[in-house]
Amino acid sequence: MSENKTKLAIIIPCFNEELVVKSTVETLLKVLDRIIAKDKIASDSYIYLVDDGSKDSTWSLIEELHNTYGSRVKGTKFIRNYGNQKALIAGLLGVKAIGCDCVISIDADLQQDENAIETFIDEFHKGADIVSGIRNDRKTDSFFKKYTALCFYKLMNLLGVKIPPNHSDFRLVSARGLEILEQYSEEGLFLRGFFHEIGLKTAYVHFDVKPRALGSTKYNFFSLTSLALNGITAFSIVPLRIIAAIGVLTVLGSFLLAMEVIVEKYIFHTTPGGWATLVILLAFFGGLQIFCLGIIGEYMGQIFNEVKARPRYIKDKELL
């Protein structure tokens, strides 16, 4: 590593970000220059962009930036869209192959405060292998996104996956963390859970979120739901144990109900009524069974994806 200083890589996953990618790279290069001037990182620190199968001119702009700034701006392009988590993994493993002491991931829209990068580096120099960014608030989120996100973090903690509330993919990972990541080949790796599970020394940096200047968010209800389900099924089997417990309670309740029917028929000689009750119970337990089968199906889907052992992503081009 040049000058025996910290070589930093910044990775940026991009999907249809033609409106912001150029200004984002120029802003981050200024941040790098400022930290280099303070002698905290090496002069050959760089930015690595991952084009996640964009349909617009994002890749052309990345090529233009590479031609302008040379090795300070690197990039890779997927042959199609694979999703944000896989773009992040590609970036992390990509910079590991190129070489760095630590890497910071940040969103292309720069809603995350780029000025916090220096604080991340300070925590890394204090010995942290993972530095996680924590949002101070969710003022920029819609009502729906804000409260579904809070519910997600509470649910994950209840299921045994201890992720801090308002944790984001704005984080620093050391070279040691990248070496551990490389050993995990699972297709559906959920990075927010993974980096807390491995047990490396972790620090936290709080930051403010800015309104998005241009373009629109690439996360919608379905992509957020998919991310949440992947996070739950990848790191917790508690839902399966809950299903088992519900099954035991259902059997016990059915046994007690059967005893009541027998008592009413043969001791009190009354025929139990309650057809409405019967219909409600049938509908309830029918829905419960479908719900439980859905949860089991999610886990089976995870197994299905893993046993195929297909590559997480396929690169089309790379600029070094």
Protein backbone atom coordinates (compact mmCIF):
# COMPACT_ATOMS: atom_id res chain seq x y z
CA MET A 1 0.00 0.00 0.00
CA SER A 2 1.40 3.34 -1.02
CA GLU A 3 3.25 5.36 1.60
CA ASN A 4 2.19 2.78 4.23
CA LYS A 5 -1.03 4.70 4.68
CA THR A 6 -4.58 3.40 4.62
CA LYS A 7 -5.72 2.64 1.09
CA LEU A 8 -9.45 3.33 0.96
CA ALA A 9 -11.91 2.13 -1.65
CA ILE A 10 -15.41 3.56 -1.93
CA ILE A 11 -17.99 1.35 -3.64
CA ILE A 12 -21.19 2.69 -5.16
CA PRO A 13 -23.94 0.36 -6.43
CA CYS A 14 -25.77 1.99 -9.36
CA PHE A 15 -29.04 1.18 -11.07
CA ASN A 16 -30.35 3.76 -13.55
CA GLU A 17 -28.46 6.61 -11.87
CA GLU A 18 -27.58 8.70 -14.94
CA LEU A 19 -28.90 11.85 -13.25
CA VAL A 20 -26.58 11.68 -10.25
CA VAL A 21 -23.60 9.41 -10.94
CA LYS A 22 -21.31 12.12 -12.32
CA SER A 23 -21.95 14.65 -9.53
CA THR A 24 -21.69 11.87 -6.93
CA VAL A 25 -18.27 10.76 -8.14
CA GLU A 26 -16.98 14.33 -8.32
CA THR A 27 -18.23 15.03 -4.79
CA LEU A 28 -16.62 11.87 -3.41
CA LEU A 29 -13.32 12.61 -5.14
CA LYS A 30 -13.27 15.95 -3.32
CA VAL A 31 -13.93 14.11 -0.04
CA LEU A 32 -11.04 11.73 -0.79
CA ASP A 33 -8.74 14.66 -1.61
CA ARG A 34 -9.63 16.37 1.66
CA ILE A 35 -8.89 13.23 3.72
CA ILE A 36 -5.68 12.58 1.74
CA ALA A 37 -4.57 16.15 2.51
CA LYS A 38 -5.02 15.38 6.22
CA ASP A 39 -2.67 12.40 5.81
CA LYS A 40 -5.31 9.87 6.90
CA ILE A 41 -5.50 7.79 3.70
CA ALA A 42 -3.18 6.95 0.82
CA SER A 43 -3.11 8.99 -2.36
CA ASP A 44 -4.06 5.93 -4.45
CA SER A 45 -7.43 5.54 -2.74
CA TYR A 46 -10.19 5.13 -5.30
CA ILE A 47 -13.89 4.83 -6.16
CA TYR A 48 -15.39 1.59 -7.52
CA LEU A 49 -18.83 1.75 -9.16
CA VAL A 50 -21.02 -1.30 -9.79
CA ASP A 51 -23.55 -0.87 -12.60
CA ASP A 52 -26.34 -3.28 -11.67
CA GLY A 53 -27.70 -3.76 -15.19
CA SER A 54 -28.82 -0.16 -15.77
CA LYS A 55 -31.05 0.54 -18.77
CA ASP A 56 -30.04 4.19 -19.10
CA SER A 57 -26.66 5.81 -19.79
CA THR A 58 -25.17 5.08 -16.34
CA TRP A 59 -22.42 2.84 -17.71
CA SER A 60 -21.46 5.31 -20.44
CA LEU A 61 -21.04 7.98 -17.77
CA ILE A 62 -18.92 5.61 -15.66
CA GLU A 63 -16.69 4.99 -18.67
CA GLU A 64 -16.42 8.74 -19.21
CA LEU A 65 -15.46 9.29 -15.56
CA HIS A 66 -12.86 6.51 -15.80
CA ASN A 67 -11.36 8.14 -18.89
CA THR A 68 -11.26 11.49 -17.10
CA TYR A 69 -9.89 10.41 -13.73
CA GLY A 70 -8.03 7.23 -14.65
CA SER A 71 -7.45 4.65 -11.90
CA ARG A 72 -9.14 6.85 -9.31
CA VAL A 73 -12.50 5.78 -10.77
CA LYS A 74 -12.95 2.08 -11.46
CA GLY A 75 -16.09 0.13 -12.24
CA THR A 76 -17.79 -3.05 -13.29
CA LYS A 77 -20.99 -3.72 -15.22
CA PHE A 78 -23.42 -6.63 -14.76
CA ILE A 79 -25.04 -8.25 -17.79
CA ARG A 80 -28.44 -7.71 -16.10
CA ASN A 81 -29.99 -6.44 -12.88
CA TYR A 82 -29.24 -8.68 -9.88
CA GLY A 83 -30.29 -6.43 -7.01
CA ASN A 84 -28.64 -4.05 -4.56
CA GLN A 85 -27.26 -6.69 -2.16
CA LYS A 86 -25.44 -8.56 -4.93
CA ALA A 87 -24.11 -5.30 -6.35
CA LEU A 88 -22.69 -4.51 -2.91
CA ILE A 89 -21.13 -7.98 -2.63
CA ALA A 90 -19.61 -7.60 -6.12
CA GLY A 91 -18.15 -4.26 -5.07
CA LEU A 92 -16.73 -5.62 -1.83
CA LEU A 93 -15.12 -8.64 -3.48
CA GLY A 94 -14.04 -6.54 -6.46
CA VAL A 95 -12.01 -4.10 -4.36
CA LYS A 96 -10.57 -6.99 -2.36
CA ALA A 97 -9.17 -8.41 -5.59
CA ILE A 98 -7.78 -4.99 -6.60
CA GLY A 99 -6.39 -4.28 -3.15
CA CYS A 100 -7.35 -1.98 -0.27
CA ASP A 101 -7.02 -1.69 3.49
CA CYS A 102 -10.68 -0.85 3.97
CA VAL A 103 -13.76 -0.14 1.90
CA ILE A 104 -16.78 2.08 2.44
CA SER A 105 -20.11 1.47 0.66
CA ILE A 106 -22.43 4.39 -0.01
CA ASP A 107 -25.58 4.93 -2.10
CA ALA A 108 -25.34 6.59 -5.50
CA ASP A 109 -27.82 9.34 -4.56
CA LEU A 110 -25.57 10.55 -1.70
CA GLN A 111 -28.50 10.87 0.68
CA GLN A 112 -26.09 9.40 3.21
CA ASP A 113 -23.73 12.08 4.49
CA GLU A 114 -20.46 11.74 2.58
CA ASN A 115 -18.75 13.97 5.17
CA ALA A 116 -19.10 11.13 7.69
CA ILE A 117 -16.55 9.12 5.69
CA GLU A 118 -13.70 10.78 7.56
CA THR A 119 -15.26 9.72 10.87
CA PHE A 120 -15.48 6.14 9.55
CA ILE A 121 -11.74 6.27 8.81
CA ASP A 122 -11.01 7.61 12.30
CA GLU A 123 -12.89 4.67 13.84
CA PHE A 124 -10.99 2.26 11.58
CA HIS A 125 -7.68 3.75 12.78
CA LYS A 126 -8.85 3.15 16.36
CA GLY A 127 -9.08 -0.58 15.60
CA ALA A 128 -12.61 -1.20 14.33
CA ASP A 129 -12.95 -3.78 11.54
CA ILE A 130 -16.58 -2.83 10.86
CA VAL A 131 -17.93 0.71 11.13
CA SER A 132 -21.70 0.83 10.65
CA GLY A 133 -23.63 3.95 9.75
CA ILE A 134 -26.77 4.62 11.80
CA ARG A 135 -29.36 7.12 10.59
CA ASN A 136 -30.23 9.83 13.11
CA ASP A 137 -33.86 9.86 11.96
CA ARG A 138 -36.21 8.93 9.10
CA LYS A 139 -37.55 12.39 8.28
CA THR A 140 -36.91 11.88 4.56
CA ASP A 141 -38.96 8.65 4.43
CA SER A 142 -42.65 8.34 3.71
CA PHE A 143 -44.97 7.41 6.59
CA PHE A 144 -45.33 3.87 5.22
CA LYS A 145 -41.59 3.28 4.70
CA LYS A 146 -40.70 4.78 8.08
CA TYR A 147 -42.96 2.53 10.14
CA THR A 148 -42.47 -0.63 8.10
CA ALA A 149 -38.70 -0.18 8.54
CA LEU A 150 -39.09 0.22 12.30
CA CYS A 151 -41.28 -2.91 12.40
CA PHE A 152 -38.68 -4.81 10.38
CA TYR A 153 -35.86 -4.00 12.82
CA LYS A 154 -38.01 -4.87 15.82
CA LEU A 155 -39.04 -8.16 14.19
CA MET A 156 -35.43 -9.04 13.32
CA ASN A 157 -34.37 -8.46 16.92
CA LEU A 158 -37.27 -10.58 18.21
CA LEU A 159 -36.15 -13.37 15.88
CA GLY A 160 -32.61 -13.25 17.26
CA VAL A 161 -30.90 -11.17 14.55
CA LYS A 162 -29.49 -8.26 16.53
CA ILE A 163 -29.38 -5.41 14.02
CA PRO A 164 -29.41 -1.84 15.40
CA PRO A 165 -32.47 0.20 14.38
CA ASN A 166 -31.94 2.52 11.41
CA HIS A 167 -28.83 0.59 10.38
CA SER A 168 -27.95 1.08 6.72
CA ASP A 169 -25.55 -0.24 4.07
CA PHE A 170 -23.41 2.86 4.64
CA ARG A 171 -20.50 1.06 6.33
CA LEU A 172 -16.77 0.53 6.43
CA VAL A 173 -15.28 -2.96 6.21
CA SER A 174 -11.62 -3.77 6.83
CA ALA A 175 -9.50 -6.06 4.67
CA ARG A 176 -9.94 -8.69 7.40
CA GLY A 177 -13.72 -8.42 7.07
CA LEU A 178 -13.43 -8.84 3.28
CA GLU A 179 -11.39 -12.02 3.75
CA ILE A 180 -14.16 -13.46 5.91
CA LEU A 181 -16.85 -12.36 3.45
CA GLU A 182 -15.05 -14.22 0.65
CA GLN A 183 -15.50 -17.48 2.56
CA TYR A 184 -19.32 -17.13 2.49
CA SER A 185 -20.61 -18.45 -0.81
CA GLU A 186 -24.34 -18.45 -0.06
CA GLU A 187 -26.50 -16.89 -2.75
CA GLY A 188 -28.91 -14.99 -0.51
CA LEU A 189 -26.40 -13.34 1.83
CA PHE A 190 -27.98 -10.48 3.81
CA LEU A 191 -25.12 -8.09 4.50
CA ARG A 192 -26.66 -6.15 7.40
CA GLY A 193 -27.07 -9.39 9.33
CA PHE A 194 -23.79 -10.89 8.14
CA PHE A 195 -21.50 -8.12 9.35
CA HIS A 196 -23.10 -8.23 12.80
CA GLU A 197 -22.98 -12.01 12.97
CA ILE A 198 -19.26 -12.53 12.28
CA GLY A 199 -18.22 -10.84 15.53
CA LEU A 200 -15.47 -8.47 14.40
CA LYS A 201 -14.86 -5.31 16.43
CA THR A 202 -17.61 -2.89 15.42
CA ALA A 203 -18.03 0.86 15.85
CA TYR A 204 -21.05 3.02 15.00
CA VAL A 205 -21.24 6.41 13.32
CA HIS A 206 -24.48 8.40 13.33
CA PHE A 207 -25.28 10.52 10.30
CA ASP A 208 -28.05 12.68 8.86
CA VAL A 209 -29.93 11.67 5.70
CA LYS A 210 -30.40 14.33 3.02
CA PRO A 211 -33.35 14.54 0.62
CA ARG A 212 -32.62 12.96 -2.74
CA ALA A 213 -31.56 15.74 -5.13
CA LEU A 214 -32.40 14.06 -8.46
CA GLY A 215 -34.05 10.87 -9.68
CA SER A 216 -36.17 8.53 -7.61
CA THR A 217 -35.51 5.71 -5.17
CA LYS A 218 -35.07 2.26 -6.70
CA TYR A 219 -36.67 0.57 -3.68
CA ASN A 220 -40.40 -0.10 -3.91
CA PHE A 221 -42.78 -2.10 -1.72
CA PHE A 222 -41.95 -5.40 -3.42
CA SER A 223 -38.17 -4.97 -3.33
CA LEU A 224 -38.27 -3.91 0.33
CA THR A 225 -40.49 -6.90 1.17
CA SER A 226 -38.09 -9.22 -0.67
CA LEU A 227 -35.13 -7.75 1.23
CA ALA A 228 -36.93 -8.19 4.56
CA LEU A 229 -37.93 -11.81 3.83
CA ASN A 230 -34.40 -12.60 2.69
CA GLY A 231 -32.97 -11.08 5.87
CA ILE A 232 -35.32 -13.09 8.09
CA THR A 233 -34.94 -16.46 6.35
CA ALA A 234 -31.17 -16.09 5.90
CA PHE A 235 -30.42 -15.50 9.58
CA SER A 236 -33.19 -16.98 11.71
CA ILE A 237 -35.09 -20.26 12.02
CA VAL A 238 -37.33 -18.85 14.77
CA PRO A 239 -40.36 -18.63 12.39
CA LEU A 240 -40.13 -22.40 11.83
CA ARG A 241 -40.06 -22.96 15.59
CA ILE A 242 -43.08 -20.67 15.98
CA ILE A 243 -44.92 -22.80 13.42
CA ALA A 244 -44.06 -25.94 15.42
CA ALA A 245 -45.36 -24.28 18.61
CA ILE A 246 -48.57 -23.19 16.85
CA GLY A 247 -49.03 -26.77 15.66
CA VAL A 248 -48.74 -28.11 19.22
CA LEU A 249 -51.17 -25.50 20.56
CA THR A 250 -53.62 -26.23 17.74
CA VAL A 251 -53.56 -29.96 18.51
CA LEU A 252 -54.08 -29.22 22.21
CA GLY A 253 -56.99 -26.87 21.44
CA SER A 254 -58.57 -29.45 19.15
CA PHE A 255 -58.28 -32.09 21.88
CA LEU A 256 -59.98 -29.80 24.42
CA LEU A 257 -62.74 -28.97 21.94
CA ALA A 258 -63.31 -32.68 21.28
CA MET A 259 -63.58 -33.33 25.03
CA GLU A 260 -66.18 -30.56 25.31
CA VAL A 261 -68.27 -32.12 22.51
CA ILE A 262 -68.13 -35.55 24.17
CA VAL A 263 -69.16 -34.14 27.55
CA GLU A 264 -72.09 -32.19 26.07
CA LYS A 265 -73.32 -35.18 24.03
CA TYR A 266 -73.01 -38.04 26.50
CA ILE A 267 -73.35 -36.33 29.91
CA PHE A 268 -75.64 -33.39 29.25
CA HIS A 269 -77.35 -35.08 26.24
CA THR A 270 -77.33 -31.90 24.23
CA THR A 271 -76.27 -31.57 20.63
CA PRO A 272 -73.79 -28.78 20.30
CA GLY A 273 -74.88 -25.93 18.06
CA GLY A 274 -72.60 -23.23 16.82
CA TRP A 275 -72.39 -23.71 13.08
CA ALA A 276 -71.14 -20.14 12.79
CA THR A 277 -68.40 -20.93 15.28
CA LEU A 278 -67.45 -23.99 13.27
CA VAL A 279 -67.23 -22.02 10.03
CA ILE A 280 -65.10 -19.31 11.70
CA LEU A 281 -62.75 -21.92 13.15
CA LEU A 282 -62.42 -23.68 9.80
CA ALA A 283 -61.65 -20.40 8.05
CA PHE A 284 -59.17 -19.38 10.75
CA PHE A 285 -57.23 -22.61 10.78
CA GLY A 286 -57.36 -22.87 7.00
CA GLY A 287 -55.79 -19.42 6.71
CA LEU A 288 -53.28 -20.29 9.43
CA GLN A 289 -52.20 -23.39 7.52
CA ILE A 290 -51.70 -21.41 4.31
CA PHE A 291 -49.70 -18.79 6.21
CA CYS A 292 -47.48 -21.45 7.78
CA LEU A 293 -46.98 -23.13 4.42
CA GLY A 294 -45.95 -19.74 3.02
CA ILE A 295 -43.24 -19.36 5.67
CA ILE A 296 -42.01 -22.89 5.05
CA GLY A 297 -42.05 -22.12 1.32
CA GLU A 298 -39.76 -19.13 1.88
CA TYR A 299 -37.20 -21.37 3.56
CA MET A 300 -37.56 -23.99 0.85
CA GLY A 301 -36.99 -21.25 -1.72
CA GLN A 302 -33.77 -20.27 0.05
CA ILE A 303 -32.63 -23.90 -0.01
CA PHE A 304 -33.61 -24.20 -3.68
CA ASN A 305 -31.52 -21.17 -4.61
CA GLU A 306 -28.54 -22.36 -2.61
CA VAL A 307 -28.40 -25.97 -3.87
CA LYS A 308 -28.36 -24.78 -7.50
CA ALA A 309 -25.03 -23.08 -6.66
CA ARG A 310 -25.37 -20.59 -9.49
CA PRO A 311 -23.11 -17.52 -9.52
CA ARG A 312 -24.46 -14.52 -7.61
CA TYR A 313 -23.88 -12.28 -10.63
CA ILE A 314 -22.13 -12.23 -14.01
CA LYS A 315 -19.88 -9.32 -14.95
CA ASP A 316 -20.04 -7.93 -18.47
CA LYS A 317 -17.24 -5.34 -18.34
CA GLU A 318 -14.74 -4.01 -15.83
CA LEU A 319 -12.69 -0.83 -15.75
CA LEU A 320 -9.50 -0.85 -13.71
